[in-house]
């Protein structure tokens, strides 16, 4: 299970392909996170926890060789 920001989708796809991990589960969250405060980061974590658990337990939908959360991949944090 990997959590990345949407700025790193392409890099994650390339890395997964190079490592032969095309079915590796990934949850994508909003970028950037460095400028967020503690409360914002905690909210992002709460919004993504169900997808992380699902990625640890079951196969997710595949997008371009990566199992990602399509809702988060669009740039959202899963809140809308």
Protein backbone atom coordinates (compact mmCIF):
# COMPACT_ATOMS: atom_id res chain seq x y z
CA UNK A 1 0.00 0.00 0.00
CA UNK A 2 1.35 3.38 -1.01
CA UNK A 3 -0.05 6.86 -0.40
CA UNK A 4 1.13 9.57 -2.80
CA UNK A 5 0.04 13.04 -3.82
CA UNK A 6 -1.49 13.62 -7.24
CA UNK A 7 1.71 15.33 -8.39
CA UNK A 8 3.47 11.95 -8.35
CA UNK A 9 1.03 9.74 -10.28
CA UNK A 10 3.27 9.39 -13.34
CA UNK A 11 6.37 8.67 -11.24
CA UNK A 12 4.49 6.04 -9.24
CA UNK A 13 3.22 4.39 -12.41
CA UNK A 14 6.74 4.24 -13.85
CA UNK A 15 8.21 2.88 -10.61
CA UNK A 16 5.49 0.23 -10.24
CA UNK A 17 6.02 -0.88 -13.83
CA UNK A 18 9.82 -1.04 -13.39
CA UNK A 19 9.43 -3.15 -10.25
CA UNK A 20 6.79 -5.43 -11.75
CA UNK A 21 4.23 -4.22 -9.21
CA UNK A 22 1.50 -3.18 -11.60
CA UNK A 23 -1.23 -4.31 -9.18
CA UNK A 24 0.25 -2.49 -6.17
CA UNK A 25 -2.53 -0.57 -4.35
CA UNK A 26 -2.11 3.22 -4.25
CA UNK A 27 -4.19 5.96 -2.66
CA UNK A 28 -3.70 9.40 -4.16
CA UNK A 29 -4.21 12.51 -2.06
CA UNK A 30 -4.17 16.23 -2.84
CA UNK A 31 -0.86 17.97 -3.54
CA UNK A 32 0.93 19.73 -1.92
CA UNK A 33 1.01 18.57 1.67
CA UNK A 34 4.10 20.46 2.87
CA UNK A 35 2.16 23.72 3.18
CA UNK A 36 -0.73 22.17 5.12
CA UNK A 37 -1.10 22.56 8.86
CA UNK A 38 -1.57 19.70 11.31
CA UNK A 39 -5.38 19.86 11.25
CA UNK A 40 -5.48 19.82 7.44
CA UNK A 41 -3.17 16.79 7.31
CA UNK A 42 -5.28 15.00 9.91
CA UNK A 43 -8.43 15.68 7.87
CA UNK A 44 -6.71 14.31 4.73
CA UNK A 45 -5.76 11.20 6.69
CA UNK A 46 -9.31 10.73 7.99
CA UNK A 47 -10.71 11.18 4.48
CA UNK A 48 -8.31 8.56 3.06
CA UNK A 49 -8.23 5.92 5.78
CA UNK A 50 -11.03 3.79 4.30
CA UNK A 51 -9.22 3.64 0.92
CA UNK A 52 -5.94 2.75 2.65
CA UNK A 53 -7.59 -0.08 4.58
CA UNK A 54 -9.30 -1.31 1.41
CA UNK A 55 -5.95 -1.27 -0.39
CA UNK A 56 -4.42 -3.34 2.36
CA UNK A 57 -7.22 -5.88 2.33
CA UNK A 58 -8.65 -6.12 -1.19
CA UNK A 59 -7.84 -5.29 -4.79
CA UNK A 60 -8.91 -1.83 -5.95
CA UNK A 61 -9.81 -0.61 -9.43
CA UNK A 62 -6.78 -0.36 -11.72
CA UNK A 63 -5.93 2.84 -13.60
CA UNK A 64 -2.96 2.65 -15.99
CA UNK A 65 -1.44 -0.27 -14.11
CA UNK A 66 -1.82 1.26 -10.65
CA UNK A 67 -4.57 0.42 -8.22
CA UNK A 68 -5.71 3.87 -7.21
CA UNK A 69 -8.62 5.58 -5.57
CA UNK A 70 -10.22 7.27 -8.60
CA UNK A 71 -12.00 9.88 -6.45
CA UNK A 72 -8.73 10.98 -4.81
CA UNK A 73 -6.88 10.78 -8.12
CA UNK A 74 -9.01 13.64 -9.40
CA UNK A 75 -7.36 15.88 -6.83
CA UNK A 76 -9.86 15.61 -4.03
CA UNK A 77 -9.37 14.24 -0.57
CA UNK A 78 -12.45 12.08 -0.71
CA UNK A 79 -14.68 14.69 0.91
CA UNK A 80 -16.80 15.65 -2.00
